[in-house]
Amino acid sequence: LRSLVGSEMCIRDRKKKMQIQNHSTGDICKLEFLKKGWWDDNGYYVKGSVVDNKGVLRWKLEGRWSERLYGRSIISEVEGEPILLWERTPLPEHSKRQFNFTSFAMELNEMTPDLESLLPPTDSRRRPDQRAMEEGDFKLADVCKRLLEDKQRAQRKKREGQGEWIPRWFKLNDESWEYLGGYWESRSSRKWVNVLPIEDIFIAPEELQEISSN
């Protein structure tokens, strides 16, 4: 644990490696996240490289994932000047009251009328407990959460005798998930085939209305 006594919030970092592949070009980016020691200033540091489909080194990367990331192009084994690739957007006003979320994180659950008509019934932004909490109705959120958990347990028990559950939009290949296609087409046409209705995964609208009225 860090900053157990102090008031300054501290995100725990750990040593980890990551590989990202561009399946169109064959380029591969390898990143290494370094763990901060007790006495050094290496917190949130990340370094890495990018090689092309022939294994030739094209970029060197370094920075802090909590602040900014720089890249140096490699041409004929000669390193170029550092280029700013990404920089963290400043936190919005009063962010400390909102768990230090960025503006992007705060807007992840936003539900506008035009967006609502595009989303499938299984989208997590439709969770009634989550929506009630964001609107400040904590009593309703608590009731919805308990009902939702009961429904999830019932669904899990029902599936036990039906074999392995198969995800709709992805399949697992070794340790990575592969997109199967079809989501964006269904979203554009607003036709969700072989997708559970909202009353099977969350809470039926009429049930929610009854809870709200009480």
N, C-alpha and C. Protein backbone atom coordinates (compact mmCIF):
# COMPACT_ATOMS: atom_id res chain seq x y z
N LEU A 1 0.84 -1.19 0.00
CA LEU A 1 0.00 0.00 0.00
C LEU A 1 0.87 1.24 0.00
N ARG A 2 0.44 2.27 -0.77
CA ARG A 2 1.19 3.51 -0.82
C ARG A 2 0.28 4.66 -0.42
N SER A 3 0.87 5.66 0.24
CA SER A 3 0.12 6.83 0.72
C SER A 3 -1.00 6.41 1.65
N LEU A 4 -0.72 5.43 2.52
CA LEU A 4 -1.73 4.95 3.45
C LEU A 4 -2.07 6.03 4.47
N VAL A 5 -1.04 6.81 4.89
CA VAL A 5 -1.25 7.86 5.87
C VAL A 5 -1.43 9.22 5.21
N GLY A 6 -0.63 9.48 4.17
CA GLY A 6 -0.71 10.78 3.50
C GLY A 6 -2.01 10.95 2.75
N SER A 7 -2.33 12.20 2.45
CA SER A 7 -3.62 12.50 1.80
C SER A 7 -3.54 12.44 0.28
N GLU A 8 -2.33 12.45 -0.27
CA GLU A 8 -2.19 12.47 -1.73
C GLU A 8 -2.51 11.10 -2.31
N MET A 9 -3.45 11.05 -3.25
CA MET A 9 -3.83 9.79 -3.86
C MET A 9 -2.69 9.24 -4.70
N CYS A 10 -2.49 7.94 -4.66
CA CYS A 10 -1.39 7.34 -5.40
C CYS A 10 -1.88 6.07 -6.08
N ILE A 11 -1.68 5.98 -7.39
CA ILE A 11 -2.08 4.80 -8.14
C ILE A 11 -0.96 3.77 -8.08
N ARG A 12 -1.31 2.55 -7.75
CA ARG A 12 -0.30 1.50 -7.66
C ARG A 12 0.13 1.09 -9.06
N ASP A 13 1.45 1.04 -9.29
CA ASP A 13 1.95 0.60 -10.59
C ASP A 13 2.68 -0.73 -10.40
N ARG A 14 2.78 -1.49 -11.46
CA ARG A 14 3.47 -2.77 -11.37
C ARG A 14 4.17 -3.04 -12.69
N LYS A 15 5.15 -3.93 -12.62
CA LYS A 15 5.92 -4.26 -13.82
C LYS A 15 5.09 -5.19 -14.71
N LYS A 16 5.00 -4.83 -15.98
CA LYS A 16 4.17 -5.61 -16.90
C LYS A 16 4.65 -5.38 -18.33
N LYS A 17 4.47 -6.39 -19.17
CA LYS A 17 4.82 -6.27 -20.59
C LYS A 17 3.57 -6.39 -21.44
N MET A 18 3.55 -5.67 -22.55
CA MET A 18 2.39 -5.67 -23.43
C MET A 18 2.86 -5.70 -24.89
N GLN A 19 2.13 -6.42 -25.72
CA GLN A 19 2.42 -6.46 -27.16
C GLN A 19 1.18 -6.09 -27.95
N ILE A 20 1.33 -5.15 -28.87
CA ILE A 20 0.23 -4.68 -29.71
C ILE A 20 0.61 -4.92 -31.16
N GLN A 21 -0.27 -5.56 -31.91
CA GLN A 21 0.04 -5.86 -33.30
C GLN A 21 -0.94 -5.21 -34.25
N ASN A 22 -0.42 -4.61 -35.30
CA ASN A 22 -1.24 -4.08 -36.38
C ASN A 22 -1.44 -5.22 -37.39
N HIS A 23 -2.64 -5.79 -37.45
CA HIS A 23 -2.88 -6.95 -38.30
C HIS A 23 -2.94 -6.59 -39.78
N SER A 24 -3.04 -5.31 -40.09
CA SER A 24 -3.05 -4.88 -41.50
C SER A 24 -1.64 -4.78 -42.06
N THR A 25 -0.70 -4.23 -41.26
CA THR A 25 0.66 -4.02 -41.74
C THR A 25 1.65 -5.04 -41.21
N GLY A 26 1.30 -5.70 -40.10
CA GLY A 26 2.22 -6.64 -39.48
C GLY A 26 3.17 -5.99 -38.49
N ASP A 27 3.08 -4.67 -38.31
CA ASP A 27 3.93 -3.97 -37.35
C ASP A 27 3.58 -4.43 -35.93
N ILE A 28 4.59 -4.49 -35.07
CA ILE A 28 4.40 -4.91 -33.69
C ILE A 28 5.02 -3.90 -32.73
N CYS A 29 4.24 -3.51 -31.73
CA CYS A 29 4.73 -2.61 -30.70
C CYS A 29 4.85 -3.40 -29.39
N LYS A 30 6.03 -3.33 -28.78
CA LYS A 30 6.25 -3.99 -27.49
C LYS A 30 6.51 -2.93 -26.43
N LEU A 31 5.73 -2.99 -25.36
CA LEU A 31 5.85 -2.02 -24.27
C LEU A 31 6.18 -2.74 -22.97
N GLU A 32 6.97 -2.07 -22.14
CA GLU A 32 7.30 -2.59 -20.82
C GLU A 32 7.01 -1.51 -19.79
N PHE A 33 6.13 -1.82 -18.84
CA PHE A 33 5.79 -0.91 -17.76
C PHE A 33 6.68 -1.23 -16.57
N LEU A 34 7.46 -0.26 -16.11
CA LEU A 34 8.42 -0.49 -15.05
C LEU A 34 7.83 -0.14 -13.70
N LYS A 35 8.12 -0.97 -12.74
CA LYS A 35 7.61 -0.75 -11.39
C LYS A 35 8.50 0.22 -10.63
N LYS A 36 7.89 1.13 -9.92
CA LYS A 36 8.62 2.12 -9.15
C LYS A 36 9.24 1.46 -7.92
N GLY A 37 10.51 1.77 -7.66
CA GLY A 37 11.18 1.28 -6.47
C GLY A 37 10.88 2.16 -5.27
N TRP A 38 11.41 1.77 -4.14
CA TRP A 38 11.14 2.52 -2.92
C TRP A 38 11.78 3.90 -2.96
N TRP A 39 12.98 4.01 -3.57
CA TRP A 39 13.73 5.26 -3.47
C TRP A 39 13.95 5.94 -4.82
N ASP A 40 13.54 5.34 -5.92
CA ASP A 40 13.78 5.98 -7.22
C ASP A 40 12.57 6.77 -7.68
N ASP A 41 12.74 7.43 -8.82
CA ASP A 41 11.68 8.26 -9.37
C ASP A 41 11.19 7.67 -10.69
N ASN A 42 11.05 6.36 -10.72
CA ASN A 42 10.73 5.64 -11.96
C ASN A 42 9.25 5.30 -12.06
N GLY A 43 8.40 5.96 -11.24
CA GLY A 43 7.00 5.62 -11.23
C GLY A 43 6.29 5.88 -12.54
N TYR A 44 5.44 4.93 -12.95
CA TYR A 44 4.59 5.06 -14.13
C TYR A 44 5.40 5.13 -15.43
N TYR A 45 6.66 4.71 -15.38
CA TYR A 45 7.53 4.80 -16.56
C TYR A 45 7.25 3.63 -17.50
N VAL A 46 7.21 3.94 -18.80
CA VAL A 46 7.00 2.92 -19.81
C VAL A 46 8.00 3.13 -20.94
N LYS A 47 8.55 2.04 -21.45
CA LYS A 47 9.45 2.12 -22.59
C LYS A 47 9.08 1.02 -23.56
N GLY A 48 9.47 1.19 -24.82
CA GLY A 48 9.13 0.16 -25.79
C GLY A 48 9.71 0.42 -27.15
N SER A 49 9.28 -0.36 -28.12
CA SER A 49 9.79 -0.25 -29.48
C SER A 49 8.72 -0.72 -30.46
N VAL A 50 8.91 -0.31 -31.72
CA VAL A 50 8.02 -0.73 -32.81
C VAL A 50 8.88 -1.32 -33.92
N VAL A 51 8.55 -2.54 -34.33
CA VAL A 51 9.25 -3.17 -35.45
C VAL A 51 8.26 -3.42 -36.58
N ASP A 52 8.75 -3.41 -37.82
CA ASP A 52 7.87 -3.65 -38.96
C ASP A 52 7.69 -5.15 -39.17
N ASN A 53 7.00 -5.52 -40.26
CA ASN A 53 6.70 -6.94 -40.49
C ASN A 53 7.93 -7.77 -40.86
N LYS A 54 9.06 -7.10 -41.03
CA LYS A 54 10.32 -7.81 -41.29
C LYS A 54 11.21 -7.85 -40.06
N GLY A 55 10.69 -7.30 -38.95
CA GLY A 55 11.46 -7.31 -37.71
C GLY A 55 12.45 -6.17 -37.58
N VAL A 56 12.37 -5.19 -38.49
CA VAL A 56 13.29 -4.05 -38.46
C VAL A 56 12.78 -3.00 -37.47
N LEU A 57 13.65 -2.53 -36.60
CA LEU A 57 13.28 -1.53 -35.61
C LEU A 57 12.96 -0.20 -36.28
N ARG A 58 11.77 0.34 -36.02
CA ARG A 58 11.33 1.59 -36.65
C ARG A 58 11.16 2.73 -35.65
N TRP A 59 10.78 2.41 -34.42
CA TRP A 59 10.56 3.45 -33.41
C TRP A 59 11.04 2.97 -32.05
N LYS A 60 11.50 3.93 -31.24
CA LYS A 60 11.73 3.71 -29.83
C LYS A 60 10.77 4.60 -29.05
N LEU A 61 10.17 4.06 -28.01
CA LEU A 61 9.15 4.78 -27.25
C LEU A 61 9.56 4.87 -25.79
N GLU A 62 9.20 5.98 -25.15
CA GLU A 62 9.43 6.11 -23.72
C GLU A 62 8.59 7.25 -23.17
N GLY A 63 8.33 7.18 -21.88
CA GLY A 63 7.55 8.23 -21.22
C GLY A 63 6.91 7.69 -19.96
N ARG A 64 5.91 8.39 -19.50
CA ARG A 64 5.13 7.97 -18.34
C ARG A 64 3.67 7.85 -18.76
N TRP A 65 3.08 6.68 -18.48
CA TRP A 65 1.71 6.48 -18.91
C TRP A 65 0.75 7.40 -18.17
N SER A 66 1.19 8.03 -17.11
CA SER A 66 0.36 8.95 -16.35
C SER A 66 0.49 10.40 -16.84
N GLU A 67 1.44 10.66 -17.77
CA GLU A 67 1.69 12.04 -18.21
C GLU A 67 1.76 12.18 -19.73
N ARG A 68 2.82 11.61 -20.34
CA ARG A 68 3.01 11.77 -21.78
C ARG A 68 3.92 10.67 -22.32
N LEU A 69 3.86 10.47 -23.65
CA LEU A 69 4.65 9.44 -24.31
C LEU A 69 5.37 10.06 -25.51
N TYR A 70 6.68 9.77 -25.63
CA TYR A 70 7.49 10.27 -26.73
C TYR A 70 7.95 9.11 -27.61
N GLY A 71 8.21 9.44 -28.89
CA GLY A 71 8.72 8.45 -29.82
C GLY A 71 9.88 9.01 -30.61
N ARG A 72 10.85 8.14 -30.92
CA ARG A 72 11.99 8.50 -31.77
C ARG A 72 11.99 7.56 -32.98
N SER A 73 11.89 8.11 -34.17
CA SER A 73 11.93 7.29 -35.37
C SER A 73 13.35 6.79 -35.61
N ILE A 74 13.44 5.58 -36.15
CA ILE A 74 14.74 4.97 -36.45
C ILE A 74 14.87 4.82 -37.96
N ILE A 75 15.79 5.57 -38.55
CA ILE A 75 16.02 5.50 -40.00
C ILE A 75 17.48 5.14 -40.22
N SER A 76 17.70 3.99 -40.88
CA SER A 76 19.07 3.50 -41.12
C SER A 76 19.85 3.43 -39.82
N GLU A 77 19.19 2.94 -38.77
CA GLU A 77 19.76 2.75 -37.43
C GLU A 77 20.14 4.06 -36.75
N VAL A 78 19.66 5.18 -37.27
CA VAL A 78 19.92 6.49 -36.67
C VAL A 78 18.65 6.99 -35.99
N GLU A 79 18.76 7.37 -34.70
CA GLU A 79 17.59 7.84 -33.96
C GLU A 79 17.30 9.30 -34.28
N GLY A 80 16.02 9.58 -34.49
CA GLY A 80 15.61 10.96 -34.71
C GLY A 80 15.35 11.68 -33.40
N GLU A 81 14.91 12.93 -33.51
CA GLU A 81 14.58 13.71 -32.33
C GLU A 81 13.28 13.20 -31.72
N PRO A 82 13.12 13.33 -30.40
CA PRO A 82 11.88 12.86 -29.77
C PRO A 82 10.66 13.64 -30.24
N ILE A 83 9.59 12.92 -30.50
CA ILE A 83 8.32 13.51 -30.94
C ILE A 83 7.26 13.19 -29.90
N LEU A 84 6.50 14.19 -29.49
CA LEU A 84 5.42 13.97 -28.53
C LEU A 84 4.29 13.23 -29.23
N LEU A 85 4.00 12.00 -28.78
CA LEU A 85 2.95 11.18 -29.40
C LEU A 85 1.62 11.31 -28.68
N TRP A 86 1.69 11.47 -27.37
CA TRP A 86 0.45 11.55 -26.58
C TRP A 86 0.73 12.31 -25.30
N GLU A 87 -0.24 13.11 -24.87
CA GLU A 87 -0.13 13.83 -23.61
C GLU A 87 -1.46 13.81 -22.90
N ARG A 88 -1.41 13.58 -21.61
CA ARG A 88 -2.62 13.49 -20.82
C ARG A 88 -3.36 14.83 -20.81
N THR A 89 -4.66 14.77 -21.03
CA THR A 89 -5.49 15.97 -20.95
C THR A 89 -5.64 16.38 -19.49
N PRO A 90 -5.52 17.67 -19.18
CA PRO A 90 -5.67 18.11 -17.78
C PRO A 90 -7.02 17.68 -17.22
N LEU A 91 -7.04 17.34 -15.94
CA LEU A 91 -8.27 16.94 -15.29
C LEU A 91 -9.25 18.10 -15.22
N PRO A 92 -10.54 17.82 -15.35
CA PRO A 92 -11.55 18.88 -15.29
C PRO A 92 -11.67 19.47 -13.89
N GLU A 93 -12.33 20.59 -13.81
CA GLU A 93 -12.54 21.25 -12.53
C GLU A 93 -13.33 20.33 -11.58
N HIS A 94 -12.98 20.36 -10.33
CA HIS A 94 -13.63 19.56 -9.28
C HIS A 94 -13.45 18.06 -9.50
N SER A 95 -12.41 17.64 -10.21
CA SER A 95 -12.22 16.21 -10.48
C SER A 95 -11.98 15.40 -9.20
N LYS A 96 -11.42 16.04 -8.17
CA LYS A 96 -11.17 15.31 -6.92
C LYS A 96 -12.47 14.86 -6.28
N ARG A 97 -13.56 15.56 -6.56
CA ARG A 97 -14.85 15.15 -6.03
C ARG A 97 -15.44 14.00 -6.83
N GLN A 98 -14.85 13.74 -7.99
CA GLN A 98 -15.36 12.70 -8.88
C GLN A 98 -14.29 11.66 -9.15
N PHE A 99 -13.61 11.25 -8.07
CA PHE A 99 -12.64 10.14 -8.10
C PHE A 99 -11.47 10.40 -9.04
N ASN A 100 -11.14 11.68 -9.30
CA ASN A 100 -10.05 12.05 -10.21
C ASN A 100 -10.26 11.52 -11.63
N PHE A 101 -11.51 11.35 -12.03
CA PHE A 101 -11.82 10.91 -13.38
C PHE A 101 -11.46 11.99 -14.40
N THR A 102 -11.04 11.55 -15.59
CA THR A 102 -10.88 12.46 -16.71
C THR A 102 -12.27 12.76 -17.29
N SER A 103 -12.32 13.76 -18.17
CA SER A 103 -13.60 14.06 -18.83
C SER A 103 -14.09 12.86 -19.62
N PHE A 104 -13.16 12.15 -20.26
CA PHE A 104 -13.53 10.96 -21.03
C PHE A 104 -14.17 9.90 -20.14
N ALA A 105 -13.55 9.64 -18.97
CA ALA A 105 -14.08 8.63 -18.06
C ALA A 105 -15.45 9.03 -17.54
N MET A 106 -15.65 10.33 -17.30
CA MET A 106 -16.94 10.80 -16.79
C MET A 106 -18.05 10.62 -17.82
N GLU A 107 -17.68 10.66 -19.10
CA GLU A 107 -18.69 10.61 -20.16
C GLU A 107 -18.94 9.20 -20.69
N LEU A 108 -18.23 8.19 -20.15
CA LEU A 108 -18.37 6.83 -20.68
C LEU A 108 -19.79 6.29 -20.53
N ASN A 109 -20.48 6.68 -19.46
CA ASN A 109 -21.83 6.17 -19.22
C ASN A 109 -22.92 7.13 -19.68
N GLU A 110 -22.53 8.19 -20.36
CA GLU A 110 -23.53 9.18 -20.79
C GLU A 110 -24.50 8.55 -21.78
N MET A 111 -25.78 8.83 -21.59
CA MET A 111 -26.82 8.27 -22.45
C MET A 111 -27.68 9.41 -22.99
N THR A 112 -27.49 9.73 -24.27
CA THR A 112 -28.28 10.77 -24.92
C THR A 112 -29.39 10.10 -25.74
N PRO A 113 -30.48 10.81 -26.02
CA PRO A 113 -31.59 10.20 -26.78
C PRO A 113 -31.15 9.61 -28.11
N ASP A 114 -30.28 10.31 -28.84
CA ASP A 114 -29.86 9.80 -30.14
C ASP A 114 -28.99 8.56 -29.99
N LEU A 115 -28.18 8.50 -28.93
CA LEU A 115 -27.34 7.34 -28.69
C LEU A 115 -28.16 6.16 -28.19
N GLU A 116 -29.15 6.42 -27.36
CA GLU A 116 -29.97 5.36 -26.79
C GLU A 116 -30.65 4.52 -27.87
N SER A 117 -31.05 5.18 -28.96
CA SER A 117 -31.74 4.45 -30.03
C SER A 117 -30.80 3.53 -30.81
N LEU A 118 -29.48 3.71 -30.64
CA LEU A 118 -28.52 2.91 -31.39
C LEU A 118 -27.97 1.72 -30.61
N LEU A 119 -28.11 1.76 -29.29
CA LEU A 119 -27.45 0.76 -28.45
C LEU A 119 -28.27 -0.53 -28.33
N PRO A 120 -27.58 -1.68 -28.23
CA PRO A 120 -28.29 -2.95 -28.05
C PRO A 120 -28.86 -3.04 -26.63
N PRO A 121 -29.83 -3.91 -26.40
CA PRO A 121 -30.41 -4.05 -25.07
C PRO A 121 -29.40 -4.51 -24.03
N THR A 122 -28.29 -5.13 -24.46
CA THR A 122 -27.29 -5.65 -23.53
C THR A 122 -26.22 -4.64 -23.16
N ASP A 123 -26.28 -3.44 -23.70
CA ASP A 123 -25.24 -2.43 -23.41
C ASP A 123 -25.28 -2.05 -21.93
N SER A 124 -24.12 -2.02 -21.29
CA SER A 124 -24.06 -1.76 -19.84
C SER A 124 -24.55 -0.37 -19.47
N ARG A 125 -24.59 0.55 -20.44
CA ARG A 125 -25.11 1.89 -20.15
C ARG A 125 -26.61 1.87 -19.86
N ARG A 126 -27.26 0.74 -20.12
CA ARG A 126 -28.68 0.61 -19.82
C ARG A 126 -28.93 0.06 -18.42
N ARG A 127 -27.89 -0.25 -17.68
CA ARG A 127 -28.08 -0.77 -16.32
C ARG A 127 -28.87 0.22 -15.48
N PRO A 128 -30.03 -0.17 -14.97
CA PRO A 128 -30.86 0.78 -14.22
C PRO A 128 -30.24 1.22 -12.90
N ASP A 129 -29.48 0.33 -12.23
CA ASP A 129 -28.84 0.73 -10.97
C ASP A 129 -27.76 1.77 -11.21
N GLN A 130 -27.01 1.60 -12.29
CA GLN A 130 -25.97 2.55 -12.64
C GLN A 130 -26.56 3.90 -13.01
N ARG A 131 -27.64 3.85 -13.79
CA ARG A 131 -28.29 5.11 -14.21
C ARG A 131 -28.87 5.84 -13.00
N ALA A 132 -29.52 5.11 -12.10
CA ALA A 132 -30.12 5.74 -10.92
C ALA A 132 -29.05 6.38 -10.04
N MET A 133 -27.90 5.71 -9.89
CA MET A 133 -26.83 6.25 -9.06
C MET A 133 -26.28 7.54 -9.67
N GLU A 134 -26.09 7.56 -10.98
CA GLU A 134 -25.55 8.75 -11.63
C GLU A 134 -26.54 9.91 -11.57
N GLU A 135 -27.82 9.60 -11.45
CA GLU A 135 -28.82 10.66 -11.34
C GLU A 135 -29.09 11.03 -9.88
N GLY A 136 -28.34 10.41 -8.95
CA GLY A 136 -28.44 10.79 -7.54
C GLY A 136 -29.52 10.08 -6.74
N ASP A 137 -30.20 9.10 -7.35
CA ASP A 137 -31.24 8.37 -6.63
C ASP A 137 -30.62 7.09 -6.07
N PHE A 138 -29.94 7.20 -4.93
CA PHE A 138 -29.20 6.07 -4.38
C PHE A 138 -30.11 4.98 -3.83
N LYS A 139 -31.29 5.35 -3.34
CA LYS A 139 -32.23 4.36 -2.84
C LYS A 139 -32.71 3.45 -3.97
N LEU A 140 -33.09 4.06 -5.08
CA LEU A 140 -33.50 3.29 -6.25
C LEU A 140 -32.35 2.45 -6.78
N ALA A 141 -31.13 3.03 -6.79
CA ALA A 141 -29.95 2.30 -7.28
C ALA A 141 -29.71 1.05 -6.46
N ASP A 142 -29.88 1.14 -5.15
CA ASP A 142 -29.66 -0.01 -4.28
C ASP A 142 -30.66 -1.13 -4.56
N VAL A 143 -31.93 -0.75 -4.72
CA VAL A 143 -32.98 -1.74 -5.01
C VAL A 143 -32.71 -2.41 -6.36
N CYS A 144 -32.38 -1.60 -7.36
CA CYS A 144 -32.13 -2.14 -8.71
C CYS A 144 -30.92 -3.06 -8.71
N LYS A 145 -29.90 -2.71 -7.95
CA LYS A 145 -28.69 -3.53 -7.91
C LYS A 145 -28.99 -4.91 -7.32
N ARG A 146 -29.78 -4.96 -6.25
CA ARG A 146 -30.11 -6.25 -5.64
C ARG A 146 -30.96 -7.10 -6.58
N LEU A 147 -31.92 -6.46 -7.27
CA LEU A 147 -32.75 -7.21 -8.22
C LEU A 147 -31.92 -7.72 -9.40
N LEU A 148 -31.00 -6.88 -9.85
CA LEU A 148 -30.16 -7.26 -10.97
C LEU A 148 -29.24 -8.43 -10.62
N GLU A 149 -28.68 -8.41 -9.41
CA GLU A 149 -27.82 -9.51 -8.98
C GLU A 149 -28.60 -10.81 -8.84
N ASP A 150 -29.85 -10.72 -8.35
CA ASP A 150 -30.71 -11.91 -8.28
C ASP A 150 -30.98 -12.47 -9.67
N LYS A 151 -31.23 -11.57 -10.61
CA LYS A 151 -31.50 -12.00 -11.99
C LYS A 151 -30.26 -12.65 -12.61
N GLN A 152 -29.09 -12.09 -12.33
CA GLN A 152 -27.85 -12.65 -12.87
C GLN A 152 -27.58 -14.04 -12.31
N ARG A 153 -27.84 -14.23 -11.01
CA ARG A 153 -27.65 -15.55 -10.41
C ARG A 153 -28.61 -16.57 -11.02
N ALA A 154 -29.85 -16.14 -11.28
CA ALA A 154 -30.83 -17.04 -11.88
C ALA A 154 -30.43 -17.42 -13.30
N GLN A 155 -29.94 -16.44 -14.05
CA GLN A 155 -29.48 -16.71 -15.42
C GLN A 155 -28.30 -17.66 -15.43
N ARG A 156 -27.36 -17.47 -14.48
CA ARG A 156 -26.18 -18.32 -14.41
C ARG A 156 -26.57 -19.76 -14.10
N LYS A 157 -27.52 -19.92 -13.19
CA LYS A 157 -27.99 -21.27 -12.83
C LYS A 157 -28.70 -21.92 -14.01
N LYS A 158 -29.45 -21.13 -14.76
CA LYS A 158 -30.19 -21.63 -15.91
C LYS A 158 -29.23 -22.12 -17.00
N ARG A 159 -28.09 -21.44 -17.14
CA ARG A 159 -27.14 -21.78 -18.19
C ARG A 159 -26.27 -22.97 -17.85
N GLU A 160 -26.24 -23.38 -16.59
CA GLU A 160 -25.35 -24.46 -16.16
C GLU A 160 -25.57 -25.75 -16.95
N GLY A 161 -26.80 -26.03 -17.29
CA GLY A 161 -27.08 -27.26 -18.02
C GLY A 161 -27.14 -27.07 -19.52
N GLN A 162 -26.73 -25.89 -20.01
CA GLN A 162 -26.82 -25.61 -21.44
C GLN A 162 -25.46 -25.56 -22.12
N GLY A 163 -24.42 -26.04 -21.44
CA GLY A 163 -23.10 -26.03 -22.03
C GLY A 163 -22.43 -24.67 -21.91
N GLU A 164 -21.31 -24.52 -22.59
CA GLU A 164 -20.52 -23.29 -22.50
C GLU A 164 -21.25 -22.12 -23.18
N TRP A 165 -21.25 -20.98 -22.50
CA TRP A 165 -21.89 -19.79 -23.05
C TRP A 165 -21.00 -19.20 -24.15
N ILE A 166 -21.59 -18.91 -25.30
CA ILE A 166 -20.83 -18.39 -26.44
C ILE A 166 -21.10 -16.89 -26.60
N PRO A 167 -20.08 -16.04 -26.48
CA PRO A 167 -20.28 -14.59 -26.66
C PRO A 167 -20.78 -14.27 -28.07
N ARG A 168 -21.52 -13.19 -28.19
CA ARG A 168 -22.14 -12.82 -29.47
C ARG A 168 -21.17 -12.18 -30.44
N TRP A 169 -20.28 -11.32 -29.96
CA TRP A 169 -19.49 -10.51 -30.88
C TRP A 169 -18.01 -10.88 -30.95
N PHE A 170 -17.54 -11.75 -30.04
CA PHE A 170 -16.13 -12.09 -30.00
C PHE A 170 -15.93 -13.58 -29.78
N LYS A 171 -14.74 -14.07 -30.13
CA LYS A 171 -14.35 -15.43 -29.78
C LYS A 171 -12.92 -15.40 -29.25
N LEU A 172 -12.63 -16.33 -28.36
CA LEU A 172 -11.32 -16.37 -27.71
C LEU A 172 -10.35 -17.22 -28.52
N ASN A 173 -9.25 -16.59 -28.94
CA ASN A 173 -8.17 -17.29 -29.62
C ASN A 173 -6.93 -17.25 -28.74
N ASP A 174 -6.57 -18.38 -28.18
CA ASP A 174 -5.46 -18.44 -27.22
C ASP A 174 -5.75 -17.49 -26.07
N GLU A 175 -5.01 -16.38 -25.98
CA GLU A 175 -5.19 -15.45 -24.88
C GLU A 175 -5.78 -14.11 -25.33
N SER A 176 -6.20 -14.01 -26.58
CA SER A 176 -6.74 -12.75 -27.08
C SER A 176 -8.14 -12.96 -27.67
N TRP A 177 -8.95 -11.89 -27.63
CA TRP A 177 -10.31 -11.95 -28.17
C TRP A 177 -10.33 -11.41 -29.60
N GLU A 178 -11.01 -12.13 -30.48
CA GLU A 178 -11.12 -11.73 -31.88
C GLU A 178 -12.55 -11.28 -32.17
N TYR A 179 -12.68 -10.11 -32.76
CA TYR A 179 -14.00 -9.56 -33.11
C TYR A 179 -14.57 -10.34 -34.30
N LEU A 180 -15.81 -10.77 -34.17
CA LEU A 180 -16.44 -11.61 -35.20
C LEU A 180 -17.16 -10.81 -36.27
N GLY A 181 -17.39 -9.51 -35.99
CA GLY A 181 -18.12 -8.70 -36.95
C GLY A 181 -19.61 -8.71 -36.66
N GLY A 182 -20.31 -7.77 -37.27
CA GLY A 182 -21.77 -7.74 -37.17
C GLY A 182 -22.33 -6.69 -36.22
N TYR A 183 -21.53 -6.26 -35.24
CA TYR A 183 -22.07 -5.31 -34.26
C TYR A 183 -22.44 -3.98 -34.90
N TRP A 184 -21.50 -3.39 -35.65
CA TRP A 184 -21.75 -2.06 -36.22
C TRP A 184 -22.84 -2.11 -37.28
N GLU A 185 -22.95 -3.24 -37.99
CA GLU A 185 -24.02 -3.38 -38.97
C GLU A 185 -25.38 -3.43 -38.28
N SER A 186 -25.45 -4.18 -37.16
CA SER A 186 -26.70 -4.26 -36.39
C SER A 186 -27.05 -2.90 -35.80
N ARG A 187 -26.05 -2.20 -35.36
CA ARG A 187 -26.27 -0.88 -34.77
C ARG A 187 -26.81 0.10 -35.81
N SER A 188 -26.27 0.05 -37.02
CA SER A 188 -26.73 0.95 -38.08
C SER A 188 -28.17 0.66 -38.48
N SER A 189 -28.51 -0.64 -38.55
CA SER A 189 -29.86 -1.03 -38.96
C SER A 189 -30.85 -1.05 -37.79
N ARG A 190 -30.29 -0.95 -36.55
CA ARG A 190 -31.11 -1.03 -35.33
C ARG A 190 -31.87 -2.36 -35.24
N LYS A 191 -31.28 -3.42 -35.79
CA LYS A 191 -31.87 -4.74 -35.73
C LYS A 191 -30.90 -5.67 -34.99
N TRP A 192 -31.29 -6.06 -33.77
CA TRP A 192 -30.41 -6.88 -32.93
C TRP A 192 -30.89 -8.33 -32.95
N VAL A 193 -30.25 -9.13 -33.79
CA VAL A 193 -30.61 -10.54 -33.96
C VAL A 193 -29.78 -11.39 -33.01
N ASN A 194 -30.42 -12.36 -32.37
CA ASN A 194 -29.74 -13.26 -31.42
C ASN A 194 -29.11 -12.51 -30.26
N VAL A 195 -29.77 -11.45 -29.82
CA VAL A 195 -29.32 -10.68 -28.66
C VAL A 195 -30.42 -10.74 -27.61
N LEU A 196 -30.03 -11.02 -26.36
CA LEU A 196 -31.02 -11.12 -25.30
C LEU A 196 -31.80 -9.82 -25.12
N PRO A 197 -33.11 -9.89 -24.91
CA PRO A 197 -33.90 -8.69 -24.62
C PRO A 197 -33.52 -8.11 -23.26
N ILE A 198 -33.82 -6.84 -23.06
CA ILE A 198 -33.37 -6.14 -21.86
C ILE A 198 -33.93 -6.76 -20.58
N GLU A 199 -35.15 -7.33 -20.63
CA GLU A 199 -35.73 -7.91 -19.42
C GLU A 199 -35.01 -9.19 -19.00
N ASP A 200 -34.25 -9.82 -19.92
CA ASP A 200 -33.52 -11.03 -19.58
C ASP A 200 -32.15 -10.74 -18.96
N ILE A 201 -31.59 -9.56 -19.24
CA ILE A 201 -30.26 -9.27 -18.75
C ILE A 201 -30.25 -8.19 -17.68
N PHE A 202 -31.17 -7.24 -17.74
CA PHE A 202 -31.25 -6.20 -16.73
C PHE A 202 -32.60 -6.29 -16.01
N ILE A 203 -33.40 -5.25 -16.08
CA ILE A 203 -34.72 -5.24 -15.45
C ILE A 203 -35.72 -4.75 -16.49
N ALA A 204 -36.85 -5.43 -16.59
CA ALA A 204 -37.88 -5.04 -17.56
C ALA A 204 -38.35 -3.62 -17.28
N PRO A 205 -38.61 -2.82 -18.33
CA PRO A 205 -39.05 -1.43 -18.15
C PRO A 205 -40.26 -1.30 -17.24
N GLU A 206 -41.25 -2.19 -17.38
CA GLU A 206 -42.44 -2.09 -16.54
C GLU A 206 -42.12 -2.39 -15.07
N GLU A 207 -41.18 -3.30 -14.85
CA GLU A 207 -40.74 -3.62 -13.49
C GLU A 207 -40.03 -2.43 -12.86
N LEU A 208 -39.19 -1.78 -13.66
CA LEU A 208 -38.47 -0.61 -13.18
C LEU A 208 -39.42 0.53 -12.86
N GLN A 209 -40.44 0.69 -13.71
CA GLN A 209 -41.43 1.75 -13.48
C GLN A 209 -42.19 1.53 -12.18
N GLU A 210 -42.48 0.25 -11.88
CA GLU A 210 -43.20 -0.07 -10.64
C GLU A 210 -42.31 0.23 -9.42
N ILE A 211 -41.02 -0.09 -9.53
CA ILE A 211 -40.09 0.16 -8.45
C ILE A 211 -39.97 1.67 -8.21
N SER A 212 -39.86 2.44 -9.28
CA SER A 212 -39.71 3.88 -9.18
C SER A 212 -40.91 4.55 -8.54
N SER A 213 -42.11 4.03 -8.84
CA SER A 213 -43.34 4.62 -8.30
C SER A 213 -43.48 4.36 -6.81
N ASN A 214 -42.81 3.30 -6.32
CA ASN A 214 -42.88 2.97 -4.90
C ASN A 214 -41.76 3.69 -4.12
